[in-house]
PDB file of all heavy atoms in Angstrom:
ATOM      1  N   GLU A   1      -8.842  -6.725  -9.061  1.00  0.00           N
ATOM      2  CA  GLU A   1      -8.140  -5.596  -9.609  1.00  0.00           C
ATOM      3  C   GLU A   1      -6.757  -5.430  -8.948  1.00  0.00           C
ATOM      4  O   GLU A   1      -6.808  -4.834  -7.918  1.00  0.00           O
ATOM      5  CB  GLU A   1      -8.990  -4.344  -9.633  1.00  0.00           C
ATOM      6  CG  GLU A   1     -10.362  -4.527 -10.405  1.00  0.00           C
ATOM      7  CD  GLU A   1     -11.189  -3.266 -10.460  1.00  0.00           C
ATOM      8  OE1 GLU A   1     -10.844  -2.277  -9.884  1.00  0.00           O
ATOM      9  OE2 GLU A   1     -12.315  -3.377 -11.074  1.00  0.00           O
ATOM     10  N   LEU A   2      -5.762  -6.006  -9.483  1.00  0.00           N
ATOM     11  CA  LEU A   2      -4.499  -6.233  -8.751  1.00  0.00           C
ATOM     12  C   LEU A   2      -3.469  -5.207  -8.931  1.00  0.00           C
ATOM     13  O   LEU A   2      -2.479  -5.133  -8.067  1.00  0.00           O
ATOM     14  CB  LEU A   2      -3.976  -7.596  -9.150  1.00  0.00           C
ATOM     15  CG  LEU A   2      -4.904  -8.791  -9.053  1.00  0.00           C
ATOM     16  CD1 LEU A   2      -4.285 -10.065  -9.493  1.00  0.00           C
ATOM     17  CD2 LEU A   2      -5.575  -8.873  -7.607  1.00  0.00           C
ATOM     18  N   ASN A   3      -3.487  -4.334  -9.880  1.00  0.00           N
ATOM     19  CA  ASN A   3      -2.424  -3.398 -10.018  1.00  0.00           C
ATOM     20  C   ASN A   3      -2.251  -2.492  -8.874  1.00  0.00           C
ATOM     21  O   ASN A   3      -1.215  -2.078  -8.429  1.00  0.00           O
ATOM     22  CB  ASN A   3      -2.646  -2.541 -11.289  1.00  0.00           C
ATOM     23  CG  ASN A   3      -2.247  -3.208 -12.546  1.00  0.00           C
ATOM     24  OD1 ASN A   3      -1.291  -4.035 -12.550  1.00  0.00           O
ATOM     25  ND2 ASN A   3      -2.882  -2.857 -13.649  1.00  0.00           N
ATOM     26  N   GLY A   4      -3.327  -2.170  -8.173  1.00  0.00           N
ATOM     27  CA  GLY A   4      -3.291  -1.313  -6.895  1.00  0.00           C
ATOM     28  C   GLY A   4      -2.586  -1.962  -5.870  1.00  0.00           C
ATOM     29  O   GLY A   4      -1.764  -1.328  -5.118  1.00  0.00           O
ATOM     30  N   THR A   5      -2.709  -3.311  -5.712  1.00  0.00           N
ATOM     31  CA  THR A   5      -1.853  -4.069  -4.749  1.00  0.00           C
ATOM     32  C   THR A   5      -0.391  -3.866  -4.950  1.00  0.00           C
ATOM     33  O   THR A   5       0.396  -3.718  -4.128  1.00  0.00           O
ATOM     34  CB  THR A   5      -2.352  -5.513  -4.732  1.00  0.00           C
ATOM     35  OG1 THR A   5      -3.774  -5.626  -4.467  1.00  0.00           O
ATOM     36  CG2 THR A   5      -1.618  -6.295  -3.628  1.00  0.00           C
ATOM     37  N   ALA A   6       0.028  -4.121  -6.230  1.00  0.00           N
ATOM     38  CA  ALA A   6       1.353  -4.034  -6.629  1.00  0.00           C
ATOM     39  C   ALA A   6       1.856  -2.625  -6.436  1.00  0.00           C
ATOM     40  O   ALA A   6       3.066  -2.413  -5.984  1.00  0.00           O
ATOM     41  CB  ALA A   6       1.632  -4.406  -8.112  1.00  0.00           C
ATOM     42  N   ILE A   7       1.144  -1.581  -6.717  1.00  0.00           N
ATOM     43  CA  ILE A   7       1.569  -0.175  -6.471  1.00  0.00           C
ATOM     44  C   ILE A   7       1.707   0.050  -4.960  1.00  0.00           C
ATOM     45  O   ILE A   7       2.752   0.645  -4.649  1.00  0.00           O
ATOM     46  CB  ILE A   7       0.496   0.738  -7.071  1.00  0.00           C
ATOM     47  CG1 ILE A   7       0.516   0.691  -8.626  1.00  0.00           C
ATOM     48  CG2 ILE A   7       0.739   2.190  -6.534  1.00  0.00           C
ATOM     49  CD1 ILE A   7      -0.631   1.432  -9.244  1.00  0.00           C
ATOM     50  N   VAL A   8       0.792  -0.410  -4.177  1.00  0.00           N
ATOM     51  CA  VAL A   8       0.935  -0.235  -2.723  1.00  0.00           C
ATOM     52  C   VAL A   8       2.212  -0.933  -2.226  1.00  0.00           C
ATOM     53  O   VAL A   8       2.865  -0.476  -1.307  1.00  0.00           O
ATOM     54  CB  VAL A   8      -0.299  -0.802  -1.927  1.00  0.00           C
ATOM     55  CG1 VAL A   8      -0.080  -0.840  -0.407  1.00  0.00           C
ATOM     56  CG2 VAL A   8      -1.454   0.205  -2.258  1.00  0.00           C
ATOM     57  N   GLN A   9       2.528  -2.079  -2.703  1.00  0.00           N
ATOM     58  CA  GLN A   9       3.685  -2.908  -2.330  1.00  0.00           C
ATOM     59  C   GLN A   9       4.977  -2.129  -2.621  1.00  0.00           C
ATOM     60  O   GLN A   9       5.917  -2.091  -1.738  1.00  0.00           O
ATOM     61  CB  GLN A   9       3.753  -4.203  -2.991  1.00  0.00           C
ATOM     62  CG  GLN A   9       2.729  -5.252  -2.535  1.00  0.00           C
ATOM     63  CD  GLN A   9       2.829  -6.597  -3.338  1.00  0.00           C
ATOM     64  OE1 GLN A   9       3.244  -6.594  -4.418  1.00  0.00           O
ATOM     65  NE2 GLN A   9       2.254  -7.695  -2.713  1.00  0.00           N
ATOM     66  N   ARG A  10       5.038  -1.521  -3.669  1.00  0.00           N
ATOM     67  CA  ARG A  10       6.228  -0.764  -4.105  1.00  0.00           C
ATOM     68  C   ARG A  10       6.384   0.567  -3.300  1.00  0.00           C
ATOM     69  O   ARG A  10       7.487   0.909  -2.849  1.00  0.00           O
ATOM     70  CB  ARG A  10       6.216  -0.499  -5.598  1.00  0.00           C
ATOM     71  CG  ARG A  10       6.704  -1.718  -6.344  1.00  0.00           C
ATOM     72  CD  ARG A  10       6.093  -1.751  -7.748  1.00  0.00           C
ATOM     73  NE  ARG A  10       6.398  -3.028  -8.381  1.00  0.00           N
ATOM     74  CZ  ARG A  10       5.930  -4.190  -8.130  1.00  0.00           C
ATOM     75  NH1 ARG A  10       4.997  -4.344  -7.222  1.00  0.00           N
ATOM     76  NH2 ARG A  10       6.339  -5.309  -8.742  1.00  0.00           N
ATOM     77  N   LEU A  11       5.256   1.121  -2.956  1.00  0.00           N
ATOM     78  CA  LEU A  11       5.312   2.395  -2.136  1.00  0.00           C
ATOM     79  C   LEU A  11       5.790   1.978  -0.704  1.00  0.00           C
ATOM     80  O   LEU A  11       6.482   2.648  -0.078  1.00  0.00           O
ATOM     81  CB  LEU A  11       3.833   2.957  -2.011  1.00  0.00           C
ATOM     82  CG  LEU A  11       3.388   3.598  -3.385  1.00  0.00           C
ATOM     83  CD1 LEU A  11       1.882   4.075  -3.296  1.00  0.00           C
ATOM     84  CD2 LEU A  11       4.248   4.860  -3.761  1.00  0.00           C
ATOM     85  N   ALA A  12       5.289   0.818  -0.201  1.00  0.00           N
ATOM     86  CA  ALA A  12       5.686   0.353   1.121  1.00  0.00           C
ATOM     87  C   ALA A  12       7.216   0.135   1.183  1.00  0.00           C
ATOM     88  O   ALA A  12       7.814   0.383   2.252  1.00  0.00           O
ATOM     89  CB  ALA A  12       4.953  -0.915   1.464  1.00  0.00           C
ATOM     90  N   ALA A  13       7.765  -0.319   0.103  1.00  0.00           N
ATOM     91  CA  ALA A  13       9.226  -0.553   0.052  1.00  0.00           C
ATOM     92  C   ALA A  13      10.067   0.706  -0.152  1.00  0.00           C
ATOM     93  O   ALA A  13      11.165   0.744   0.246  1.00  0.00           O
ATOM     94  CB  ALA A  13       9.490  -1.566  -1.047  1.00  0.00           C
ATOM     95  N   GLN A  14       9.464   1.764  -0.759  1.00  0.00           N
ATOM     96  CA  GLN A  14      10.182   3.030  -1.102  1.00  0.00           C
ATOM     97  C   GLN A  14      10.121   4.070  -0.103  1.00  0.00           C
ATOM     98  O   GLN A  14      10.923   4.974  -0.187  1.00  0.00           O
ATOM     99  CB  GLN A  14       9.820   3.325  -2.487  1.00  0.00           C
ATOM    100  CG  GLN A  14      10.138   2.304  -3.559  1.00  0.00           C
ATOM    101  CD  GLN A  14       9.637   2.759  -4.969  1.00  0.00           C
ATOM    102  OE1 GLN A  14       9.365   3.908  -5.144  1.00  0.00           O
ATOM    103  NE2 GLN A  14       9.576   1.741  -5.907  1.00  0.00           N
ATOM    104  N   ILE A  15       9.074   4.178   0.697  1.00  0.00           N
ATOM    105  CA  ILE A  15       8.845   5.284   1.539  1.00  0.00           C
ATOM    106  C   ILE A  15       9.215   5.015   3.033  1.00  0.00           C
ATOM    107  O   ILE A  15       8.764   3.988   3.542  1.00  0.00           O
ATOM    108  CB  ILE A  15       7.372   5.791   1.468  1.00  0.00           C
ATOM    109  CG1 ILE A  15       7.045   6.242   0.038  1.00  0.00           C
ATOM    110  CG2 ILE A  15       7.124   6.907   2.435  1.00  0.00           C
ATOM    111  CD1 ILE A  15       5.639   6.578  -0.212  1.00  0.00           C
ATOM    112  N   ASP A  16      10.020   5.801   3.574  1.00  0.00           N
ATOM    113  CA  ASP A  16      10.374   5.670   4.981  1.00  0.00           C
ATOM    114  C   ASP A  16       9.774   6.652   5.920  1.00  0.00           C
ATOM    115  O   ASP A  16       9.757   7.759   5.669  1.00  0.00           O
ATOM    116  CB  ASP A  16      12.012   5.924   5.007  1.00  0.00           C
ATOM    117  CG  ASP A  16      12.605   5.678   6.364  1.00  0.00           C
ATOM    118  OD1 ASP A  16      11.966   5.364   7.337  1.00  0.00           O
ATOM    119  OD2 ASP A  16      13.820   5.987   6.451  1.00  0.00           O
ATOM    120  N   ALA A  17       9.148   6.089   6.933  1.00  0.00           N
ATOM    121  CA  ALA A  17       8.417   6.907   7.886  1.00  0.00           C
ATOM    122  C   ALA A  17       9.354   7.906   8.529  1.00  0.00           C
ATOM    123  O   ALA A  17       8.882   9.110   8.860  1.00  0.00           O
ATOM    124  CB  ALA A  17       7.831   6.111   8.984  1.00  0.00           C
ATOM    125  N   GLY A  18      10.652   7.740   8.671  1.00  0.00           N
ATOM    126  CA  GLY A  18      11.538   8.651   9.253  1.00  0.00           C
ATOM    127  C   GLY A  18      11.767   9.831   8.451  1.00  0.00           C
ATOM    128  O   GLY A  18      12.170  10.924   8.818  1.00  0.00           O
ATOM    129  N   ASN A  19      11.458   9.755   7.108  1.00  0.00           N
ATOM    130  CA  ASN A  19      11.647  10.879   6.141  1.00  0.00           C
ATOM    131  C   ASN A  19      10.253  11.442   5.752  1.00  0.00           C
ATOM    132  O   ASN A  19      10.259  12.253   4.743  1.00  0.00           O
ATOM    133  CB  ASN A  19      12.401  10.465   4.933  1.00  0.00           C
ATOM    134  CG  ASN A  19      13.864  10.093   5.385  1.00  0.00           C
ATOM    135  OD1 ASN A  19      14.505  10.595   6.211  1.00  0.00           O
ATOM    136  ND2 ASN A  19      14.362   8.949   4.706  1.00  0.00           N
ATOM    137  N   LEU A  20       9.198  11.056   6.430  1.00  0.00           N
ATOM    138  CA  LEU A  20       7.812  11.424   5.978  1.00  0.00           C
ATOM    139  C   LEU A  20       7.347  12.575   6.783  1.00  0.00           C
ATOM    140  O   LEU A  20       7.548  12.513   8.066  1.00  0.00           O
ATOM    141  CB  LEU A  20       7.050  10.158   6.004  1.00  0.00           C
ATOM    142  CG  LEU A  20       5.523  10.309   5.644  1.00  0.00           C
ATOM    143  CD1 LEU A  20       5.332  10.555   4.226  1.00  0.00           C
ATOM    144  CD2 LEU A  20       4.753   8.996   6.086  1.00  0.00           C
ATOM    145  N   ALA A  21       6.583  13.476   6.197  1.00  0.00           N
ATOM    146  CA  ALA A  21       5.769  14.484   6.937  1.00  0.00           C
ATOM    147  C   ALA A  21       4.297  14.034   6.878  1.00  0.00           C
ATOM    148  O   ALA A  21       3.819  13.921   5.687  1.00  0.00           O
ATOM    149  CB  ALA A  21       6.068  15.836   6.431  1.00  0.00           C
ATOM    150  N   GLY A  22       3.703  13.821   7.944  1.00  0.00           N
ATOM    151  CA  GLY A  22       2.264  13.410   7.874  1.00  0.00           C
ATOM    152  C   GLY A  22       2.210  11.824   8.054  1.00  0.00           C
ATOM    153  O   GLY A  22       3.089  11.182   8.454  1.00  0.00           O
ATOM    154  N   THR A  23       1.061  11.377   7.732  1.00  0.00           N
ATOM    155  CA  THR A  23       0.762   9.877   7.947  1.00  0.00           C
ATOM    156  C   THR A  23       0.226   9.319   6.669  1.00  0.00           C
ATOM    157  O   THR A  23      -0.682   9.849   5.995  1.00  0.00           O
ATOM    158  CB  THR A  23      -0.242   9.719   9.018  1.00  0.00           C
ATOM    159  OG1 THR A  23       0.196  10.347  10.262  1.00  0.00           O
ATOM    160  CG2 THR A  23      -0.401   8.256   9.330  1.00  0.00           C
ATOM    161  N   LEU A  24       0.849   8.103   6.344  1.00  0.00           N
ATOM    162  CA  LEU A  24       0.385   7.459   5.029  1.00  0.00           C
ATOM    163  C   LEU A  24      -0.173   6.056   5.503  1.00  0.00           C
ATOM    164  O   LEU A  24       0.404   5.231   6.156  1.00  0.00           O
ATOM    165  CB  LEU A  24       1.563   7.246   4.190  1.00  0.00           C
ATOM    166  CG  LEU A  24       1.405   6.694   2.806  1.00  0.00           C
ATOM    167  CD1 LEU A  24       0.475   7.668   1.996  1.00  0.00           C
ATOM    168  CD2 LEU A  24       2.668   6.498   1.995  1.00  0.00           C
ATOM    169  N   LEU A  25      -1.462   5.807   4.995  1.00  0.00           N
ATOM    170  CA  LEU A  25      -2.140   4.613   5.284  1.00  0.00           C
ATOM    171  C   LEU A  25      -2.124   3.870   3.983  1.00  0.00           C
ATOM    172  O   LEU A  25      -2.807   4.268   3.031  1.00  0.00           O
ATOM    173  CB  LEU A  25      -3.582   4.861   5.839  1.00  0.00           C
ATOM    174  CG  LEU A  25      -3.666   5.778   6.994  1.00  0.00           C
ATOM    175  CD1 LEU A  25      -5.103   5.986   7.358  1.00  0.00           C
ATOM    176  CD2 LEU A  25      -2.906   5.264   8.216  1.00  0.00           C
ATOM    177  N   LEU A  26      -1.467   2.713   3.950  1.00  0.00           N
ATOM    178  CA  LEU A  26      -1.392   1.844   2.857  1.00  0.00           C
ATOM    179  C   LEU A  26      -2.243   0.514   2.909  1.00  0.00           C
ATOM    180  O   LEU A  26      -2.034  -0.290   3.835  1.00  0.00           O
ATOM    181  CB  LEU A  26       0.099   1.443   2.547  1.00  0.00           C
ATOM    182  CG  LEU A  26       1.071   2.546   2.360  1.00  0.00           C
ATOM    183  CD1 LEU A  26       2.481   1.916   2.197  1.00  0.00           C
ATOM    184  CD2 LEU A  26       0.716   3.323   1.111  1.00  0.00           C
ATOM    185  N   VAL A  27      -3.226   0.466   2.119  1.00  0.00           N
ATOM    186  CA  VAL A  27      -4.249  -0.607   2.110  1.00  0.00           C
ATOM    187  C   VAL A  27      -4.026  -1.445   0.912  1.00  0.00           C
ATOM    188  O   VAL A  27      -4.588  -1.036  -0.205  1.00  0.00           O
ATOM    189  CB  VAL A  27      -5.622  -0.134   2.238  1.00  0.00           C
ATOM    190  CG1 VAL A  27      -6.535  -1.363   2.306  1.00  0.00           C
ATOM    191  CG2 VAL A  27      -5.773   0.781   3.514  1.00  0.00           C
ATOM    192  N   PRO A  28      -3.213  -2.572   0.917  1.00  0.00           N
ATOM    193  CA  PRO A  28      -2.981  -3.258  -0.442  1.00  0.00           C
ATOM    194  C   PRO A  28      -4.177  -3.977  -0.963  1.00  0.00           C
ATOM    195  O   PRO A  28      -4.373  -4.035  -2.213  1.00  0.00           O
ATOM    196  CB  PRO A  28      -1.941  -4.244   0.035  1.00  0.00           C
ATOM    197  CG  PRO A  28      -2.131  -4.501   1.496  1.00  0.00           C
ATOM    198  CD  PRO A  28      -2.600  -3.135   1.981  1.00  0.00           C
ATOM    199  N   VAL A  29      -5.082  -4.407  -0.069  1.00  0.00           N
ATOM    200  CA  VAL A  29      -6.265  -5.085  -0.490  1.00  0.00           C
ATOM    201  C   VAL A  29      -7.520  -4.753   0.348  1.00  0.00           C
ATOM    202  O   VAL A  29      -7.583  -5.113   1.513  1.00  0.00           O
ATOM    203  CB  VAL A  29      -6.105  -6.704  -0.397  1.00  0.00           C
ATOM    204  CG1 VAL A  29      -7.375  -7.458  -0.900  1.00  0.00           C
ATOM    205  CG2 VAL A  29      -4.954  -7.160  -1.318  1.00  0.00           C
ATOM    206  N   ALA A  30      -8.386  -3.926  -0.223  1.00  0.00           N
ATOM    207  CA  ALA A  30      -9.608  -3.510   0.505  1.00  0.00           C
ATOM    208  C   ALA A  30     -10.646  -4.558   0.589  1.00  0.00           C
ATOM    209  O   ALA A  30     -11.247  -4.777   1.562  1.00  0.00           O
ATOM    210  CB  ALA A  30     -10.151  -2.271  -0.083  1.00  0.00           C
ATOM    211  N   ASN A  31     -10.722  -5.408  -0.488  1.00  0.00           N
ATOM    212  CA  ASN A  31     -11.730  -6.482  -0.510  1.00  0.00           C
ATOM    213  C   ASN A  31     -10.968  -7.764  -0.485  1.00  0.00           C
ATOM    214  O   ASN A  31     -10.711  -8.428  -1.484  1.00  0.00           O
ATOM    215  CB  ASN A  31     -12.540  -6.320  -1.861  1.00  0.00           C
ATOM    216  CG  ASN A  31     -13.506  -7.512  -2.003  1.00  0.00           C
ATOM    217  OD1 ASN A  31     -13.653  -8.429  -1.139  1.00  0.00           O
ATOM    218  ND2 ASN A  31     -14.246  -7.512  -3.076  1.00  0.00           N
ATOM    219  N   ILE A  32     -10.598  -8.191   0.744  1.00  0.00           N
ATOM    220  CA  ILE A  32      -9.866  -9.426   0.885  1.00  0.00           C
ATOM    221  C   ILE A  32     -10.576 -10.709   0.395  1.00  0.00           C
ATOM    222  O   ILE A  32     -10.021 -11.667  -0.087  1.00  0.00           O
ATOM    223  CB  ILE A  32      -9.314  -9.659   2.293  1.00  0.00           C
ATOM    224  CG1 ILE A  32      -8.328 -10.835   2.360  1.00  0.00           C
ATOM    225  CG2 ILE A  32     -10.446  -9.889   3.294  1.00  0.00           C
ATOM    226  CD1 ILE A  32      -7.015 -10.577   1.620  1.00  0.00           C
ATOM    227  N   PHE A  33     -11.979 -10.658   0.561  1.00  0.00           N
ATOM    228  CA  PHE A  33     -12.779 -11.810   0.199  1.00  0.00           C
ATOM    229  C   PHE A  33     -12.749 -12.063  -1.383  1.00  0.00           C
ATOM    230  O   PHE A  33     -12.564 -13.226  -1.870  1.00  0.00           O
ATOM    231  CB  PHE A  33     -14.269 -11.608   0.675  1.00  0.00           C
ATOM    232  CG  PHE A  33     -14.201 -11.419   2.157  1.00  0.00           C
ATOM    233  CD1 PHE A  33     -14.306 -10.057   2.579  1.00  0.00           C
ATOM    234  CD2 PHE A  33     -14.303 -12.437   3.048  1.00  0.00           C
ATOM    235  CE1 PHE A  33     -14.426  -9.805   3.966  1.00  0.00           C
ATOM    236  CE2 PHE A  33     -14.308 -12.167   4.427  1.00  0.00           C
ATOM    237  CZ  PHE A  33     -14.404 -10.943   4.871  1.00  0.00           C
ATOM    238  N   GLY A  34     -12.965 -10.927  -2.074  1.00  0.00           N
ATOM    239  CA  GLY A  34     -12.874 -11.055  -3.531  1.00  0.00           C
ATOM    240  C   GLY A  34     -11.454 -11.376  -4.062  1.00  0.00           C
ATOM    241  O   GLY A  34     -11.233 -12.068  -5.009  1.00  0.00           O
ATOM    242  N   PHE A  35     -10.466 -10.828  -3.324  1.00  0.00           N
ATOM    243  CA  PHE A  35      -9.017 -11.097  -3.688  1.00  0.00           C
ATOM    244  C   PHE A  35      -8.650 -12.552  -3.629  1.00  0.00           C
ATOM    245  O   PHE A  35      -8.096 -13.165  -4.501  1.00  0.00           O
ATOM    246  CB  PHE A  35      -8.168 -10.301  -2.639  1.00  0.00           C
ATOM    247  CG  PHE A  35      -6.694 -10.319  -2.871  1.00  0.00           C
ATOM    248  CD1 PHE A  35      -6.099  -9.634  -3.831  1.00  0.00           C
ATOM    249  CD2 PHE A  35      -5.966 -11.201  -2.057  1.00  0.00           C
ATOM    250  CE1 PHE A  35      -4.736  -9.695  -4.020  1.00  0.00           C
ATOM    251  CE2 PHE A  35      -4.649 -11.402  -2.225  1.00  0.00           C
ATOM    252  CZ  PHE A  35      -3.989 -10.563  -3.197  1.00  0.00           C
ATOM    253  N   LEU A  36      -9.211 -13.258  -2.575  1.00  0.00           N
ATOM    254  CA  LEU A  36      -8.882 -14.669  -2.396  1.00  0.00           C
ATOM    255  C   LEU A  36      -9.596 -15.544  -3.392  1.00  0.00           C
ATOM    256  O   LEU A  36      -9.130 -16.598  -3.726  1.00  0.00           O
ATOM    257  CB  LEU A  36      -9.281 -15.099  -0.973  1.00  0.00           C
ATOM    258  CG  LEU A  36      -8.425 -14.501   0.180  1.00  0.00           C
ATOM    259  CD1 LEU A  36      -9.012 -14.887   1.502  1.00  0.00           C
ATOM    260  CD2 LEU A  36      -6.964 -15.007   0.124  1.00  0.00           C
TER     261      LEU A  36
END
């Protein structure tokens, strides 16, 4: 299920920690074994 990976990639490119309040944990692939 790959759309979540693409969404996380775009969020990673668009959000800057310097302008963020709080902490964001981005997990592009939770099941790396099935992904491969």
